[in-house]
Amino acid sequence: MLTRIQSGAATAIAPVAAALASEPYGCQLPSLAVLFVMGLLVHIFGFALNEYMDLRVDRLAGELSTKPLVSGDIPPHHALYIAITAVFSAVILSVIFFPGPLVYLFILATSLGGAYDLYSKRMVGSDLLLGTWIFVFCIYGSLAVTGKVSALALVVALLFFVQLVFQTAVTGGLKDVEHDLAGGARTPPIWLGVRVENGEIRMTPAFRSYSIAWKLANIVLALLPFVVLGSRYNLVQIALLLFAGMQAMRLTIQALQGGVFDRKKKMNLLLRQEIFSYILIPVMLFTTVGFRTFLTILLLPILWLAFWILAIYGKRLPNV
């Protein structure tokens, strides 16, 4: 629960997808596997540190009483030990398998993620730090495995950037808005006027526009390789991209409705939206990487998510 391991594969697949976008048939499986493990370790570092930094605000929310640090199941300083161990292990793997100047690029990426954890509740726009982290991590992955960054890999990196900013600013900000308000946090929803009063959430046109703009950018980027870069495509692929994009937009608009503030319902809508948004990336890469690689990139994070949610939380949604 502390490390949010259920979403670990979605983080770890990002640099792998960027590497495959640069050289789809020249990547060696061992290098990709090491990159994936590094992604998992960075994911553990980020969430363990984030839970430690958010502890004061999380204690204000009764529905978060089962979180490991809030409940006292894990002492706060143990979360720091886990975070430090994970990030040092990832750096060691980088030094061993991808040595040279690239190690500094990896440290830069990880530092951006750590900076987000330190300032996420205190600085408006800190979600851009986290988005920049995943962007740099994708560039690192492509350079580490293939020695180059193709135009398609840049699009992949930008897609992960946009998705992570949305996930942090909109999904994370919206589900936590009630206790973030009580704790004096400065997240995008609060900054743009979203409020919870008498059990009802009051959305603002500014926050709706902000959220929809990020989601629209997500969809446009997924179509960019075929419109601008001249990537090969087929009609089924384009139809799937449009379908997944429209579903992600529909669920986003639903989540942005006002009325009674039901945190679990918002989380359910936004989780489904995130799955459709993620699907855009493997579908976009389909004609470049081939069917087997497409299936791996598509199914691994989704099956990983389903397995760990069932293993840790049973049939209920994770209370994060």
Protein backbone atom coordinates (compact mmCIF):
# COMPACT_ATOMS: atom_id res chain seq x y z
CA MET A 1 0.00 0.00 0.00
CA LEU A 2 2.80 2.38 0.90
CA THR A 3 4.60 2.05 -2.43
CA ARG A 4 1.45 1.92 -4.62
CA ILE A 5 2.94 -1.13 -6.30
CA GLN A 6 -0.31 -1.63 -8.25
CA SER A 7 0.58 1.24 -10.60
CA GLY A 8 4.31 0.42 -10.70
CA ALA A 9 4.24 -1.17 -14.16
CA ALA A 10 2.60 1.93 -15.66
CA THR A 11 5.60 3.95 -14.45
CA ALA A 12 8.21 1.36 -15.39
CA ILE A 13 6.87 0.86 -18.93
CA ALA A 14 7.40 4.54 -19.86
CA PRO A 15 11.18 4.45 -20.59
CA VAL A 16 10.75 1.00 -22.17
CA ALA A 17 8.12 2.33 -24.58
CA ALA A 18 10.37 5.29 -25.49
CA ALA A 19 13.28 2.94 -26.22
CA LEU A 20 11.08 0.75 -28.42
CA ALA A 21 9.83 3.84 -30.27
CA SER A 22 13.45 4.66 -31.20
CA GLU A 23 14.48 1.16 -32.26
CA PRO A 24 11.55 -1.29 -32.18
CA TYR A 25 13.43 -4.37 -33.37
CA GLY A 26 16.94 -3.61 -32.12
CA CYS A 27 16.32 -3.46 -28.36
CA GLN A 28 17.75 -6.32 -26.32
CA LEU A 29 15.36 -7.85 -23.79
CA PRO A 30 17.89 -7.83 -20.88
CA SER A 31 18.43 -4.07 -21.26
CA LEU A 32 14.68 -3.45 -21.37
CA ALA A 33 14.22 -5.66 -18.28
CA VAL A 34 16.84 -3.68 -16.32
CA LEU A 35 15.16 -0.43 -17.40
CA PHE A 36 11.80 -1.79 -16.23
CA VAL A 37 13.21 -2.74 -12.81
CA MET A 38 14.76 0.72 -12.48
CA GLY A 39 11.34 2.18 -13.23
CA LEU A 40 9.77 0.09 -10.47
CA LEU A 41 12.43 1.23 -7.99
CA VAL A 42 11.92 4.89 -8.90
CA HIS A 43 8.16 4.39 -8.55
CA ILE A 44 8.67 2.96 -5.04
CA PHE A 45 10.97 5.86 -4.15
CA GLY A 46 8.48 8.45 -5.37
CA PHE A 47 5.42 7.08 -3.61
CA ALA A 48 7.12 6.19 -0.32
CA LEU A 49 8.53 9.72 -0.12
CA ASN A 50 5.19 11.21 -1.20
CA GLU A 51 3.33 9.34 1.54
CA TYR A 52 5.84 10.61 4.09
CA MET A 53 5.54 14.22 2.93
CA ASP A 54 1.71 14.12 2.73
CA LEU A 55 1.23 12.53 6.17
CA ARG A 56 0.11 15.73 7.93
CA VAL A 57 -2.60 16.43 5.33
CA ASP A 58 -3.67 12.77 5.05
CA ARG A 59 -4.33 12.65 8.79
CA LEU A 60 -7.09 15.24 8.28
CA ALA A 61 -9.11 12.84 6.12
CA GLY A 62 -11.05 10.16 7.95
CA GLU A 63 -11.40 8.02 4.82
CA LEU A 64 -7.58 7.74 4.61
CA SER A 65 -7.23 6.25 8.09
CA THR A 66 -6.24 2.86 6.65
CA LYS A 67 -3.19 4.22 4.80
CA PRO A 68 -0.07 2.61 6.31
CA LEU A 69 1.53 5.76 7.70
CA VAL A 70 -1.75 7.31 8.89
CA SER A 71 -2.77 4.12 10.69
CA GLY A 72 0.68 3.68 12.21
CA ASP A 73 1.21 0.25 10.61
CA ILE A 74 4.49 1.58 9.20
CA PRO A 75 6.50 4.19 11.17
CA PRO A 76 7.13 7.33 9.08
CA HIS A 77 10.92 6.97 9.23
CA HIS A 78 10.61 3.48 7.71
CA ALA A 79 9.00 5.08 4.65
CA LEU A 80 12.12 7.23 4.31
CA TYR A 81 14.36 4.15 4.58
CA ILE A 82 12.35 2.43 1.83
CA ALA A 83 12.50 5.51 -0.42
CA ILE A 84 16.26 5.99 0.04
CA THR A 85 17.02 2.28 -0.48
CA ALA A 86 14.93 2.18 -3.67
CA VAL A 87 16.49 5.26 -5.26
CA PHE A 88 20.06 4.23 -4.42
CA SER A 89 19.39 0.75 -5.86
CA ALA A 90 18.12 2.35 -9.08
CA VAL A 91 21.20 4.59 -9.35
CA ILE A 92 23.49 1.56 -8.81
CA LEU A 93 21.70 -0.30 -11.63
CA SER A 94 22.22 2.74 -13.87
CA VAL A 95 25.95 2.86 -13.03
CA ILE A 96 26.36 -0.88 -13.72
CA PHE A 97 24.27 -1.31 -16.86
CA PHE A 98 24.13 2.18 -18.42
CA PRO A 99 27.34 3.91 -17.25
CA GLY A 100 28.82 7.24 -18.30
CA PRO A 101 27.10 10.64 -18.59
CA LEU A 102 23.69 8.96 -18.75
CA VAL A 103 23.93 8.30 -15.00
CA TYR A 104 23.72 12.07 -14.43
CA LEU A 105 20.63 12.28 -16.64
CA PHE A 106 19.01 9.55 -14.55
CA ILE A 107 19.91 11.37 -11.32
CA LEU A 108 18.42 14.58 -12.78
CA ALA A 109 15.18 12.77 -13.62
CA THR A 110 14.97 11.22 -10.15
CA SER A 111 15.71 14.56 -8.48
CA LEU A 112 12.77 16.15 -10.33
CA GLY A 113 10.49 13.41 -8.98
CA GLY A 114 11.84 13.95 -5.47
CA ALA A 115 11.33 17.72 -5.78
CA TYR A 116 7.69 17.13 -6.63
CA ASP A 117 7.24 15.10 -3.44
CA LEU A 118 8.77 17.90 -1.39
CA TYR A 119 6.63 20.70 -2.89
CA SER A 120 3.47 19.00 -4.21
CA LYS A 121 1.11 20.45 -1.59
CA ARG A 122 2.90 23.77 -1.24
CA MET A 123 3.64 25.00 -4.77
CA VAL A 124 1.15 25.57 -7.57
CA GLY A 125 2.47 23.93 -10.73
CA SER A 126 4.53 21.30 -8.93
CA ASP A 127 2.73 18.70 -11.06
CA LEU A 128 4.83 20.01 -13.98
CA LEU A 129 7.94 18.86 -12.07
CA LEU A 130 6.57 15.33 -12.01
CA GLY A 131 5.63 15.50 -15.69
CA THR A 132 9.15 16.69 -16.52
CA TRP A 133 10.53 13.79 -14.49
CA ILE A 134 8.73 11.17 -16.61
CA PHE A 135 9.69 13.04 -19.80
CA VAL A 136 13.40 13.02 -18.87
CA PHE A 137 13.14 9.38 -17.74
CA CYS A 138 11.75 8.44 -21.18
CA ILE A 139 14.61 10.27 -22.90
CA TYR A 140 17.05 8.48 -20.59
CA GLY A 141 15.51 5.10 -21.43
CA SER A 142 15.73 5.68 -25.16
CA LEU A 143 19.37 6.87 -24.98
CA ALA A 144 20.41 4.13 -22.55
CA VAL A 145 19.08 1.26 -24.66
CA THR A 146 19.39 2.55 -28.24
CA GLY A 147 21.84 5.47 -28.07
CA LYS A 148 19.38 7.81 -29.79
CA VAL A 149 16.01 9.54 -29.40
CA SER A 150 13.72 9.34 -32.42
CA ALA A 151 10.91 11.80 -33.16
CA LEU A 152 8.43 9.06 -32.21
CA ALA A 153 10.21 8.54 -28.87
CA LEU A 154 9.81 12.27 -28.20
CA VAL A 155 6.07 11.94 -28.82
CA VAL A 156 5.95 8.99 -26.40
CA ALA A 157 7.81 11.06 -23.79
CA LEU A 158 5.40 13.97 -24.29
CA LEU A 159 2.40 11.64 -23.98
CA PHE A 160 3.66 10.33 -20.64
CA PHE A 161 4.36 13.93 -19.58
CA VAL A 162 0.79 15.03 -20.35
CA GLN A 163 -0.77 11.93 -18.80
CA LEU A 164 1.22 12.25 -15.58
CA VAL A 165 0.47 15.97 -15.22
CA PHE A 166 -3.24 15.19 -15.66
CA GLN A 167 -3.06 12.26 -13.26
CA THR A 168 -1.37 14.41 -10.62
CA ALA A 169 -3.13 17.74 -11.05
CA VAL A 170 -6.63 16.55 -11.94
CA THR A 171 -7.04 12.97 -10.68
CA GLY A 172 -4.95 13.40 -7.54
CA GLY A 173 -6.05 16.97 -6.91
CA LEU A 174 -9.75 16.25 -7.33
CA LYS A 175 -9.95 13.14 -5.15
CA ASP A 176 -8.04 14.87 -2.34
CA VAL A 177 -9.61 18.32 -2.66
CA GLU A 178 -11.62 18.13 0.57
CA HIS A 179 -8.76 17.39 2.97
CA ASP A 180 -6.29 19.41 0.87
CA LEU A 181 -8.52 22.43 1.52
CA ALA A 182 -8.50 21.69 5.24
CA GLY A 183 -4.72 21.31 5.22
CA GLY A 184 -4.05 24.53 3.31
CA ALA A 185 -2.58 22.77 0.25
CA ARG A 186 -2.05 24.64 -3.04
CA THR A 187 -3.10 22.18 -5.73
CA PRO A 188 -4.53 23.09 -9.17
CA PRO A 189 -8.20 22.43 -8.25
CA ILE A 190 -7.92 24.62 -5.14
CA TRP A 191 -5.95 27.32 -6.98
CA LEU A 192 -8.62 27.35 -9.71
CA GLY A 193 -11.46 27.75 -7.22
CA VAL A 194 -12.80 24.23 -6.65
CA ARG A 195 -14.43 23.95 -3.20
CA VAL A 196 -16.28 21.37 -1.12
CA GLU A 197 -19.05 22.92 0.97
CA ASN A 198 -21.70 21.05 2.97
CA GLY A 199 -20.73 17.79 1.28
CA GLU A 200 -21.06 19.17 -2.24
CA ILE A 201 -18.22 19.91 -4.65
CA ARG A 202 -18.34 23.19 -6.55
CA MET A 203 -16.47 23.03 -9.84
CA THR A 204 -15.35 26.15 -11.69
CA PRO A 205 -15.20 26.86 -15.45
CA ALA A 206 -11.46 27.54 -15.05
CA PHE A 207 -10.74 24.08 -13.60
CA ARG A 208 -12.99 22.35 -16.14
CA SER A 209 -11.22 24.14 -18.99
CA TYR A 210 -7.80 23.33 -17.49
CA SER A 211 -8.63 19.62 -17.18
CA ILE A 212 -10.23 19.27 -20.62
CA ALA A 213 -7.29 21.10 -22.26
CA TRP A 214 -4.81 18.57 -20.85
CA LYS A 215 -7.00 15.66 -21.96
CA LEU A 216 -7.38 17.14 -25.44
CA ALA A 217 -3.58 17.54 -25.67
CA ASN A 218 -3.32 13.86 -24.76
CA ILE A 219 -5.53 12.81 -27.68
CA VAL A 220 -3.92 15.18 -30.20
CA LEU A 221 -0.42 13.92 -29.32
CA ALA A 222 -1.50 10.30 -29.92
CA LEU A 223 -2.58 11.26 -33.48
CA LEU A 224 0.48 13.45 -34.14
CA PRO A 225 2.80 10.72 -35.58
CA PHE A 226 0.32 9.96 -38.37
CA VAL A 227 -0.47 13.59 -39.20
CA VAL A 228 3.00 15.16 -38.89
CA LEU A 229 5.66 12.42 -38.79
CA GLY A 230 4.24 10.29 -41.58
CA SER A 231 4.15 7.11 -39.47
CA ARG A 232 2.49 4.07 -41.03
CA TYR A 233 -1.06 3.43 -39.86
CA ASN A 234 -4.20 1.45 -40.62
CA LEU A 235 -7.84 2.44 -40.26
CA VAL A 236 -8.49 0.07 -37.34
CA GLN A 237 -5.61 1.68 -35.44
CA ILE A 238 -6.98 5.20 -36.03
CA ALA A 239 -10.49 4.05 -35.06
CA LEU A 240 -9.14 2.58 -31.79
CA LEU A 241 -7.24 5.78 -31.03
CA LEU A 242 -10.35 7.88 -31.56
CA PHE A 243 -12.49 5.48 -29.50
CA ALA A 244 -10.05 5.39 -26.56
CA GLY A 245 -9.62 9.15 -26.73
CA MET A 246 -13.37 9.80 -26.75
CA GLN A 247 -13.91 7.42 -23.81
CA ALA A 248 -11.15 9.15 -21.83
CA MET A 249 -12.71 12.55 -22.60
CA ARG A 250 -16.23 11.34 -21.71
CA LEU A 251 -15.11 9.99 -18.33
CA THR A 252 -13.12 13.16 -17.66
CA ILE A 253 -16.18 15.33 -18.30
CA GLN A 254 -18.27 13.08 -16.03
CA ALA A 255 -15.70 13.41 -13.24
CA LEU A 256 -15.83 17.20 -13.57
CA GLN A 257 -19.52 17.38 -12.66
CA GLY A 258 -20.50 19.15 -9.45
CA GLY A 259 -23.00 17.96 -6.87
CA VAL A 260 -22.56 15.62 -3.91
CA PHE A 261 -18.86 14.94 -3.37
CA ASP A 262 -18.45 11.16 -3.64
CA ARG A 263 -14.70 10.54 -3.46
CA LYS A 264 -14.93 6.86 -4.43
CA LYS A 265 -17.12 7.61 -7.44
CA LYS A 266 -14.68 10.29 -8.64
CA MET A 267 -11.78 7.86 -8.20
CA ASN A 268 -13.61 5.15 -10.15
CA LEU A 269 -14.34 7.48 -13.07
CA LEU A 270 -10.80 8.85 -13.15
CA LEU A 271 -9.20 5.39 -12.87
CA ARG A 272 -11.20 4.20 -15.88
CA GLN A 273 -10.21 7.40 -17.70
CA GLU A 274 -6.53 6.71 -16.98
CA ILE A 275 -6.79 3.21 -18.47
CA PHE A 276 -8.28 4.57 -21.73
CA SER A 277 -5.65 7.32 -21.79
CA TYR A 278 -2.86 4.79 -21.38
CA ILE A 279 -4.28 2.62 -24.19
CA LEU A 280 -3.54 5.48 -26.60
CA ILE A 281 0.23 4.82 -26.34
CA PRO A 282 0.44 1.12 -27.34
CA VAL A 283 -2.22 1.63 -30.03
CA MET A 284 -0.21 4.57 -31.42
CA LEU A 285 2.91 2.36 -31.51
CA PHE A 286 1.18 -0.68 -33.05
CA THR A 287 2.36 -0.33 -36.65
CA THR A 288 5.87 0.56 -35.47
CA VAL A 289 6.59 -2.16 -32.88
CA GLY A 290 4.55 -5.09 -34.19
CA PHE A 291 1.76 -7.17 -32.65
CA ARG A 292 3.63 -9.04 -29.86
CA THR A 293 5.33 -5.92 -28.50
CA PHE A 294 2.05 -4.01 -28.80
CA LEU A 295 0.28 -6.67 -26.70
CA THR A 296 3.05 -6.60 -24.09
CA ILE A 297 2.97 -2.81 -23.71
CA LEU A 298 -0.82 -2.82 -23.68
CA LEU A 299 -1.51 -5.67 -21.27
CA LEU A 300 1.41 -5.65 -18.83
CA PRO A 301 0.44 -2.47 -16.89
CA ILE A 302 -3.29 -3.37 -16.96
CA LEU A 303 -2.82 -6.97 -15.78
CA TRP A 304 -0.25 -5.80 -13.21
CA LEU A 305 -2.77 -3.25 -11.90
CA ALA A 306 -5.57 -5.83 -11.71
CA PHE A 307 -3.37 -8.43 -9.98
CA TRP A 308 -2.01 -6.11 -7.28
CA ILE A 309 -5.36 -4.43 -6.55
CA LEU A 310 -6.90 -7.88 -6.06
CA ALA A 311 -3.92 -9.12 -4.02
CA ILE A 312 -3.72 -6.08 -1.73
CA TYR A 313 -7.22 -4.62 -1.60
CA GLY A 314 -9.51 -7.46 -2.63
CA LYS A 315 -12.51 -6.40 -4.70
CA ARG A 316 -12.58 -2.83 -3.45
CA LEU A 317 -10.82 0.14 -4.98
CA PRO A 318 -7.55 1.18 -3.31
CA ASN A 319 -8.10 3.95 -0.76
CA VAL A 320 -5.23 6.26 -1.73
